């Protein structure tokens, strides 16, 4: 962390992390670090759920579900 702080200061840059990782930082370090909210939007929530459950063998997985290795492209429609 010291090297990151030094590099940020030398380059007049900010230290940024995700909200999830920010929560893991000690309180003393939080005052000098900004957070970047990260969100995931799904175009096909039902399809994503089916593939996820198939991959982990949960409810709805197995025969008739998406194959575990099927690619998941959450931004297919956005491109």
PDB file of N, CA and C in Angstrom:
ATOM      1  N   UNK A   1       0.817  -1.195   0.000  1.00  0.00           N
ATOM      2  CA  UNK A   1       0.000   0.000   0.000  1.00  0.00           C
ATOM      3  C   UNK A   1       0.860   1.258   0.000  1.00  0.00           C
ATOM      4  N   UNK A   2       1.986   1.189   0.678  1.00  0.00           N
ATOM      5  CA  UNK A   2       2.849   2.373   0.723  1.00  0.00           C
ATOM      6  C   UNK A   2       3.291   2.784  -0.678  1.00  0.00           C
ATOM      7  N   UNK A   3       3.637   1.797  -1.494  1.00  0.00           N
ATOM      8  CA  UNK A   3       4.086   2.099  -2.857  1.00  0.00           C
ATOM      9  C   UNK A   3       2.951   2.699  -3.675  1.00  0.00           C
ATOM     10  N   UNK A   4       1.754   2.186  -3.498  1.00  0.00           N
ATOM     11  CA  UNK A   4       0.603   2.746  -4.218  1.00  0.00           C
ATOM     12  C   UNK A   4       0.328   4.180  -3.790  1.00  0.00           C
ATOM     13  N   UNK A   5       0.383   4.415  -2.496  1.00  0.00           N
ATOM     14  CA  UNK A   5       0.161   5.785  -1.997  1.00  0.00           C
ATOM     15  C   UNK A   5       1.207   6.738  -2.549  1.00  0.00           C
ATOM     16  N   UNK A   6       2.451   6.294  -2.539  1.00  0.00           N
ATOM     17  CA  UNK A   6       3.544   7.138  -3.033  1.00  0.00           C
ATOM     18  C   UNK A   6       3.360   7.422  -4.524  1.00  0.00           C
ATOM     19  N   UNK A   7       3.041   6.399  -5.308  1.00  0.00           N
ATOM     20  CA  UNK A   7       2.846   6.581  -6.742  1.00  0.00           C
ATOM     21  C   UNK A   7       1.667   7.508  -7.023  1.00  0.00           C
ATOM     22  N   UNK A   8       0.605   7.371  -6.263  1.00  0.00           N
ATOM     23  CA  UNK A   8      -0.554   8.242  -6.451  1.00  0.00           C
ATOM     24  C   UNK A   8      -0.182   9.690  -6.161  1.00  0.00           C
ATOM     25  N   UNK A   9       0.565   9.899  -5.106  1.00  0.00           N
ATOM     26  CA  UNK A   9       0.963  11.261  -4.742  1.00  0.00           C
ATOM     27  C   UNK A   9       1.888  11.860  -5.797  1.00  0.00           C
ATOM     28  N   UNK A  10       2.856  11.069  -6.244  1.00  0.00           N
ATOM     29  CA  UNK A  10       3.807  11.548  -7.259  1.00  0.00           C
ATOM     30  C   UNK A  10       3.115  11.888  -8.577  1.00  0.00           C
ATOM     31  N   UNK A  11       2.074  11.173  -8.896  1.00  0.00           N
ATOM     32  CA  UNK A  11       1.370  11.368 -10.171  1.00  0.00           C
ATOM     33  C   UNK A  11       0.092  12.181 -10.043  1.00  0.00           C
ATOM     34  N   UNK A  12      -0.111  12.753  -8.852  1.00  0.00           N
ATOM     35  CA  UNK A  12      -1.319  13.538  -8.575  1.00  0.00           C
ATOM     36  C   UNK A  12      -2.568  12.747  -8.975  1.00  0.00           C
ATOM     37  N   UNK A  13      -2.587  11.491  -8.555  1.00  0.00           N
ATOM     38  CA  UNK A  13      -3.683  10.582  -8.875  1.00  0.00           C
ATOM     39  C   UNK A  13      -4.391  10.161  -7.591  1.00  0.00           C
ATOM     40  N   UNK A  14      -5.556   9.609  -7.761  1.00  0.00           N
ATOM     41  CA  UNK A  14      -6.329   9.118  -6.622  1.00  0.00           C
ATOM     42  C   UNK A  14      -6.243   7.597  -6.560  1.00  0.00           C
ATOM     43  N   UNK A  15      -6.317   7.079  -5.368  1.00  0.00           N
ATOM     44  CA  UNK A  15      -6.415   5.638  -5.184  1.00  0.00           C
ATOM     45  C   UNK A  15      -7.898   5.288  -5.210  1.00  0.00           C
ATOM     46  N   UNK A  16      -8.253   4.326  -6.050  1.00  0.00           N
ATOM     47  CA  UNK A  16      -9.655   3.953  -6.227  1.00  0.00           C
ATOM     48  C   UNK A  16      -9.784   2.442  -6.121  1.00  0.00           C
ATOM     49  N   UNK A  17     -10.849   1.994  -5.470  1.00  0.00           N
ATOM     50  CA  UNK A  17     -11.141   0.569  -5.365  1.00  0.00           C
ATOM     51  C   UNK A  17     -12.644   0.359  -5.459  1.00  0.00           C
ATOM     52  N   UNK A  18     -13.057  -0.882  -5.567  1.00  0.00           N
ATOM     53  CA  UNK A  18     -14.486  -1.174  -5.596  1.00  0.00           C
ATOM     54  C   UNK A  18     -15.066  -1.050  -4.187  1.00  0.00           C
ATOM     55  N   UNK A  19     -16.370  -0.880  -4.110  1.00  0.00           N
ATOM     56  CA  UNK A  19     -17.021  -0.783  -2.804  1.00  0.00           C
ATOM     57  C   UNK A  19     -16.796  -2.050  -1.992  1.00  0.00           C
ATOM     58  N   UNK A  20     -16.808  -3.196  -2.671  1.00  0.00           N
ATOM     59  CA  UNK A  20     -16.609  -4.473  -1.997  1.00  0.00           C
ATOM     60  C   UNK A  20     -15.228  -4.530  -1.341  1.00  0.00           C
ATOM     61  N   UNK A  21     -14.196  -4.152  -2.084  1.00  0.00           N
ATOM     62  CA  UNK A  21     -12.846  -4.186  -1.519  1.00  0.00           C
ATOM     63  C   UNK A  21     -12.622  -3.080  -0.497  1.00  0.00           C
ATOM     64  N   UNK A  22     -13.289  -1.958  -0.679  1.00  0.00           N
ATOM     65  CA  UNK A  22     -13.192  -0.854   0.284  1.00  0.00           C
ATOM     66  C   UNK A  22     -13.637  -1.319   1.664  1.00  0.00           C
ATOM     67  N   UNK A  23     -14.676  -2.130   1.702  1.00  0.00           N
ATOM     68  CA  UNK A  23     -15.202  -2.620   2.985  1.00  0.00           C
ATOM     69  C   UNK A  23     -14.183  -3.487   3.712  1.00  0.00           C
ATOM     70  N   UNK A  24     -13.242  -4.047   2.988  1.00  0.00           N
ATOM     71  CA  UNK A  24     -12.214  -4.911   3.591  1.00  0.00           C
ATOM     72  C   UNK A  24     -11.009  -4.129   4.120  1.00  0.00           C
ATOM     73  N   UNK A  25     -10.918  -2.857   3.758  1.00  0.00           N
ATOM     74  CA  UNK A  25      -9.769  -2.049   4.173  1.00  0.00           C
ATOM     75  C   UNK A  25      -9.876  -1.649   5.637  1.00  0.00           C
ATOM     76  N   UNK A  26      -8.743  -1.533   6.309  1.00  0.00           N
ATOM     77  CA  UNK A  26      -8.765  -1.011   7.678  1.00  0.00           C
ATOM     78  C   UNK A  26      -9.277   0.430   7.671  1.00  0.00           C
ATOM     79  N   UNK A  27      -9.962   0.820   8.726  1.00  0.00           N
ATOM     80  CA  UNK A  27     -10.537   2.170   8.814  1.00  0.00           C
ATOM     81  C   UNK A  27      -9.499   3.260   8.543  1.00  0.00           C
ATOM     82  N   UNK A  28      -8.289   3.071   9.025  1.00  0.00           N
ATOM     83  CA  UNK A  28      -7.244   4.090   8.865  1.00  0.00           C
ATOM     84  C   UNK A  28      -6.895   4.349   7.401  1.00  0.00           C
ATOM     85  N   UNK A  29      -7.094   3.379   6.540  1.00  0.00           N
ATOM     86  CA  UNK A  29      -6.744   3.540   5.124  1.00  0.00           C
ATOM     87  C   UNK A  29      -7.896   4.107   4.308  1.00  0.00           C
ATOM     88  N   UNK A  30      -9.104   3.982   4.799  1.00  0.00           N
ATOM     89  CA  UNK A  30     -10.280   4.357   4.016  1.00  0.00           C
ATOM     90  C   UNK A  30     -10.346   5.842   3.679  1.00  0.00           C
ATOM     91  N   UNK A  31      -9.810   6.685   4.537  1.00  0.00           N
ATOM     92  CA  UNK A  31      -9.943   8.126   4.323  1.00  0.00           C
ATOM     93  C   UNK A  31      -9.234   8.618   3.070  1.00  0.00           C
ATOM     94  N   UNK A  32      -8.255   7.860   2.585  1.00  0.00           N
ATOM     95  CA  UNK A  32      -7.489   8.311   1.424  1.00  0.00           C
ATOM     96  C   UNK A  32      -7.812   7.544   0.143  1.00  0.00           C
ATOM     97  N   UNK A  33      -8.847   6.719   0.189  1.00  0.00           N
ATOM     98  CA  UNK A  33      -9.192   5.895  -0.967  1.00  0.00           C
ATOM     99  C   UNK A  33     -10.635   6.154  -1.394  1.00  0.00           C
ATOM    100  N   UNK A  34     -10.833   6.361  -2.692  1.00  0.00           N
ATOM    101  CA  UNK A  34     -12.166   6.574  -3.249  1.00  0.00           C
ATOM    102  C   UNK A  34     -12.758   5.234  -3.687  1.00  0.00           C
ATOM    103  N   UNK A  35     -14.071   5.176  -3.787  1.00  0.00           N
ATOM    104  CA  UNK A  35     -14.709   3.941  -4.237  1.00  0.00           C
ATOM    105  C   UNK A  35     -15.347   4.118  -5.606  1.00  0.00           C
ATOM    106  N   UNK A  36     -15.399   3.030  -6.322  1.00  0.00           N
ATOM    107  CA  UNK A  36     -16.024   2.989  -7.635  1.00  0.00           C
ATOM    108  C   UNK A  36     -17.148   1.965  -7.567  1.00  0.00           C
ATOM    109  N   UNK A  37     -18.386   2.427  -7.641  1.00  0.00           N
ATOM    110  CA  UNK A  37     -19.494   1.461  -7.621  1.00  0.00           C
ATOM    111  C   UNK A  37     -19.472   0.600  -8.890  1.00  0.00           C
ATOM    112  N   UNK A  38     -19.695  -0.677  -8.720  1.00  0.00           N
ATOM    113  CA  UNK A  38     -19.731  -1.606  -9.843  1.00  0.00           C
ATOM    114  C   UNK A  38     -21.067  -2.333  -9.795  1.00  0.00           C
ATOM    115  N   UNK A  39     -21.755  -2.371 -10.925  1.00  0.00           N
ATOM    116  CA  UNK A  39     -23.042  -3.056 -11.001  1.00  0.00           C
ATOM    117  C   UNK A  39     -23.057  -3.941 -12.246  1.00  0.00           C
ATOM    118  N   UNK A  40     -23.858  -4.978 -12.185  1.00  0.00           N
ATOM    119  CA  UNK A  40     -23.998  -5.870 -13.321  1.00  0.00           C
ATOM    120  C   UNK A  40     -25.442  -5.832 -13.786  1.00  0.00           C
ATOM    121  N   UNK A  41     -25.630  -5.624 -15.065  1.00  0.00           N
ATOM    122  CA  UNK A  41     -26.970  -5.625 -15.642  1.00  0.00           C
ATOM    123  C   UNK A  41     -27.088  -6.837 -16.558  1.00  0.00           C
ATOM    124  N   UNK A  42     -28.156  -7.566 -16.408  1.00  0.00           N
ATOM    125  CA  UNK A  42     -28.371  -8.762 -17.220  1.00  0.00           C
ATOM    126  C   UNK A  42     -29.469  -8.504 -18.233  1.00  0.00           C
ATOM    127  N   UNK A  43     -29.221  -8.891 -19.460  1.00  0.00           N
ATOM    128  CA  UNK A  43     -30.245  -8.786 -20.498  1.00  0.00           C
ATOM    129  C   UNK A  43     -31.208  -9.956 -20.430  1.00  0.00           C
ATOM    130  N   UNK A  44     -30.737 -11.077 -19.915  1.00  0.00           N
ATOM    131  CA  UNK A  44     -31.542 -12.291 -19.849  1.00  0.00           C
ATOM    132  C   UNK A  44     -31.347 -12.918 -18.476  1.00  0.00           C
ATOM    133  N   UNK A  45     -32.034 -12.379 -17.486  1.00  0.00           N
ATOM    134  CA  UNK A  45     -31.856 -12.849 -16.113  1.00  0.00           C
ATOM    135  C   UNK A  45     -32.225 -14.321 -15.964  1.00  0.00           C
ATOM    136  N   UNK A  46     -33.303 -14.748 -16.609  1.00  0.00           N
ATOM    137  CA  UNK A  46     -33.725 -16.148 -16.509  1.00  0.00           C
ATOM    138  C   UNK A  46     -32.675 -17.077 -17.124  1.00  0.00           C
ATOM    139  N   UNK A  47     -32.120 -16.679 -18.262  1.00  0.00           N
ATOM    140  CA  UNK A  47     -31.074 -17.474 -18.897  1.00  0.00           C
ATOM    141  C   UNK A  47     -29.816 -17.542 -18.047  1.00  0.00           C
ATOM    142  N   UNK A  48     -29.438 -16.420 -17.483  1.00  0.00           N
ATOM    143  CA  UNK A  48     -28.268 -16.383 -16.605  1.00  0.00           C
ATOM    144  C   UNK A  48     -28.474 -17.300 -15.412  1.00  0.00           C
ATOM    145  N   UNK A  49     -29.651 -17.195 -14.812  1.00  0.00           N
ATOM    146  CA  UNK A  49     -29.965 -18.019 -13.641  1.00  0.00           C
ATOM    147  C   UNK A  49     -29.922 -19.509 -14.001  1.00  0.00           C
ATOM    148  N   UNK A  50     -30.495 -19.874 -15.151  1.00  0.00           N
ATOM    149  CA  UNK A  50     -30.498 -21.275 -15.575  1.00  0.00           C
ATOM    150  C   UNK A  50     -29.080 -21.795 -15.782  1.00  0.00           C
ATOM    151  N   UNK A  51     -28.234 -20.999 -16.433  1.00  0.00           N
ATOM    152  CA  UNK A  51     -26.843 -21.421 -16.671  1.00  0.00           C
ATOM    153  C   UNK A  51     -26.067 -21.511 -15.368  1.00  0.00           C
ATOM    154  N   UNK A  52     -26.290 -20.566 -14.483  1.00  0.00           N
ATOM    155  CA  UNK A  52     -25.604 -20.581 -13.190  1.00  0.00           C
ATOM    156  C   UNK A  52     -26.010 -21.818 -12.399  1.00  0.00           C
ATOM    157  N   UNK A  53     -27.296 -22.074 -12.320  1.00  0.00           N
ATOM    158  CA  UNK A  53     -27.761 -23.234 -11.572  1.00  0.00           C
ATOM    159  C   UNK A  53     -27.301 -24.537 -12.212  1.00  0.00           C
ATOM    160  N   UNK A  54     -27.246 -24.589 -13.542  1.00  0.00           N
ATOM    161  CA  UNK A  54     -26.741 -25.781 -14.217  1.00  0.00           C
ATOM    162  C   UNK A  54     -25.265 -25.997 -13.885  1.00  0.00           C
ATOM    163  N   UNK A  55     -24.513 -24.906 -13.828  1.00  0.00           N
ATOM    164  CA  UNK A  55     -23.083 -25.001 -13.558  1.00  0.00           C
ATOM    165  C   UNK A  55     -22.792 -25.471 -12.140  1.00  0.00           C
ATOM    166  N   UNK A  56     -23.645 -25.082 -11.201  1.00  0.00           N
ATOM    167  CA  UNK A  56     -23.396 -25.460  -9.807  1.00  0.00           C
ATOM    168  C   UNK A  56     -24.244 -26.643  -9.371  1.00  0.00           C
ATOM    169  N   UNK A  57     -25.073 -27.140 -10.289  1.00  0.00           N
ATOM    170  CA  UNK A  57     -25.893 -28.300  -9.972  1.00  0.00           C
ATOM    171  C   UNK A  57     -27.037 -27.993  -9.033  1.00  0.00           C
ATOM    172  N   UNK A  58     -27.507 -26.761  -9.047  1.00  0.00           N
ATOM    173  CA  UNK A  58     -28.597 -26.365  -8.167  1.00  0.00           C
ATOM    174  C   UNK A  58     -29.952 -26.641  -8.787  1.00  0.00           C
ATOM    175  N   UNK A  59     -31.022 -26.160  -8.159  1.00  0.00           N
ATOM    176  CA  UNK A  59     -32.374 -26.368  -8.672  1.00  0.00           C
ATOM    177  C   UNK A  59     -32.500 -25.873 -10.108  1.00  0.00           C
ATOM    178  N   UNK A  60     -33.093 -26.680 -10.945  1.00  0.00           N
ATOM    179  CA  UNK A  60     -33.266 -26.283 -12.338  1.00  0.00           C
ATOM    180  C   UNK A  60     -32.093 -26.674 -13.211  1.00  0.00           C
ATOM    181  N   UNK A  61     -31.010 -27.122 -12.606  1.00  0.00           N
ATOM    182  CA  UNK A  61     -29.849 -27.538 -13.375  1.00  0.00           C
ATOM    183  C   UNK A  61     -30.041 -28.953 -13.882  1.00  0.00           C
ATOM    184  N   UNK A  62     -29.167 -29.408 -14.712  1.00  0.00           N
ATOM    185  CA  UNK A  62     -29.250 -30.773 -15.198  1.00  0.00           C
ATOM    186  C   UNK A  62     -29.933 -30.867 -16.539  1.00  0.00           C
ATOM    187  N   UNK A  63     -30.581 -32.004 -16.815  1.00  0.00           N
ATOM    188  CA  UNK A  63     -31.187 -32.235 -18.131  1.00  0.00           C
ATOM    189  C   UNK A  63     -32.137 -31.109 -18.526  1.00  0.00           C
ATOM    190  N   UNK A  64     -32.002 -30.642 -19.737  1.00  0.00           N
ATOM    191  CA  UNK A  64     -32.873 -29.583 -20.234  1.00  0.00           C
ATOM    192  C   UNK A  64     -32.362 -28.189 -19.924  1.00  0.00           C
ATOM    193  N   UNK A  65     -31.424 -28.060 -19.004  1.00  0.00           N
ATOM    194  CA  UNK A  65     -30.859 -26.751 -18.662  1.00  0.00           C
ATOM    195  C   UNK A  65     -29.715 -26.415 -19.600  1.00  0.00           C
ATOM    196  N   UNK A  66     -29.214 -25.213 -19.503  1.00  0.00           N
ATOM    197  CA  UNK A  66     -28.072 -24.816 -20.326  1.00  0.00           C
ATOM    198  C   UNK A  66     -26.852 -25.620 -19.897  1.00  0.00           C
ATOM    199  N   UNK A  67     -26.002 -26.003 -20.836  1.00  0.00           N
ATOM    200  CA  UNK A  67     -24.795 -26.732 -20.453  1.00  0.00           C
ATOM    201  C   UNK A  67     -23.914 -25.880 -19.542  1.00  0.00           C
ATOM    202  N   UNK A  68     -23.240 -26.508 -18.585  1.00  0.00           N
ATOM    203  CA  UNK A  68     -22.414 -25.752 -17.637  1.00  0.00           C
ATOM    204  C   UNK A  68     -21.354 -24.883 -18.297  1.00  0.00           C
ATOM    205  N   UNK A  69     -20.863 -25.289 -19.463  1.00  0.00           N
ATOM    206  CA  UNK A  69     -19.804 -24.517 -20.122  1.00  0.00           C
ATOM    207  C   UNK A  69     -20.338 -23.493 -21.110  1.00  0.00           C
ATOM    208  N   UNK A  70     -21.662 -23.324 -21.174  1.00  0.00           N
ATOM    209  CA  UNK A  70     -22.242 -22.359 -22.108  1.00  0.00           C
ATOM    210  C   UNK A  70     -21.768 -20.953 -21.749  1.00  0.00           C
ATOM    211  N   UNK A  71     -21.319 -20.171 -22.736  1.00  0.00           N
ATOM    212  CA  UNK A  71     -20.859 -18.812 -22.430  1.00  0.00           C
ATOM    213  C   UNK A  71     -22.010 -17.925 -21.973  1.00  0.00           C
ATOM    214  N   UNK A  72     -21.716 -17.061 -21.044  1.00  0.00           N
ATOM    215  CA  UNK A  72     -22.705 -16.104 -20.539  1.00  0.00           C
ATOM    216  C   UNK A  72     -22.252 -14.731 -20.987  1.00  0.00           C
ATOM    217  N   UNK A  73     -23.046 -14.069 -21.786  1.00  0.00           N
ATOM    218  CA  UNK A  73     -22.716 -12.749 -22.287  1.00  0.00           C
ATOM    219  C   UNK A  73     -23.764 -11.761 -21.794  1.00  0.00           C
ATOM    220  N   UNK A  74     -23.497 -11.134 -20.661  1.00  0.00           N
ATOM    221  CA  UNK A  74     -24.461 -10.244 -20.031  1.00  0.00           C
ATOM    222  C   UNK A  74     -24.719  -8.991 -20.855  1.00  0.00           C
ATOM    223  N   UNK A  75     -23.824  -8.629 -21.748  1.00  0.00           N
ATOM    224  CA  UNK A  75     -23.971  -7.398 -22.520  1.00  0.00           C
ATOM    225  C   UNK A  75     -24.193  -7.652 -23.997  1.00  0.00           C
ATOM    226  N   UNK A  76     -24.665  -8.820 -24.334  1.00  0.00           N
ATOM    227  CA  UNK A  76     -24.861  -9.191 -25.728  1.00  0.00           C
ATOM    228  C   UNK A  76     -25.726  -8.181 -26.469  1.00  0.00           C
ATOM    229  N   UNK A  77     -26.821  -7.781 -25.859  1.00  0.00           N
ATOM    230  CA  UNK A  77     -27.740  -6.841 -26.495  1.00  0.00           C
ATOM    231  C   UNK A  77     -27.161  -5.420 -26.552  1.00  0.00           C
ATOM    232  N   UNK A  78     -26.283  -5.077 -25.605  1.00  0.00           N
ATOM    233  CA  UNK A  78     -25.762  -3.713 -25.506  1.00  0.00           C
ATOM    234  C   UNK A  78     -24.731  -3.389 -26.571  1.00  0.00           C
ATOM    235  N   UNK A  79     -24.158  -4.388 -27.188  1.00  0.00           N
ATOM    236  CA  UNK A  79     -23.093  -4.151 -28.170  1.00  0.00           C
ATOM    237  C   UNK A  79     -23.669  -3.657 -29.401  1.00  0.00           C
TER     238      UNK A  79
END
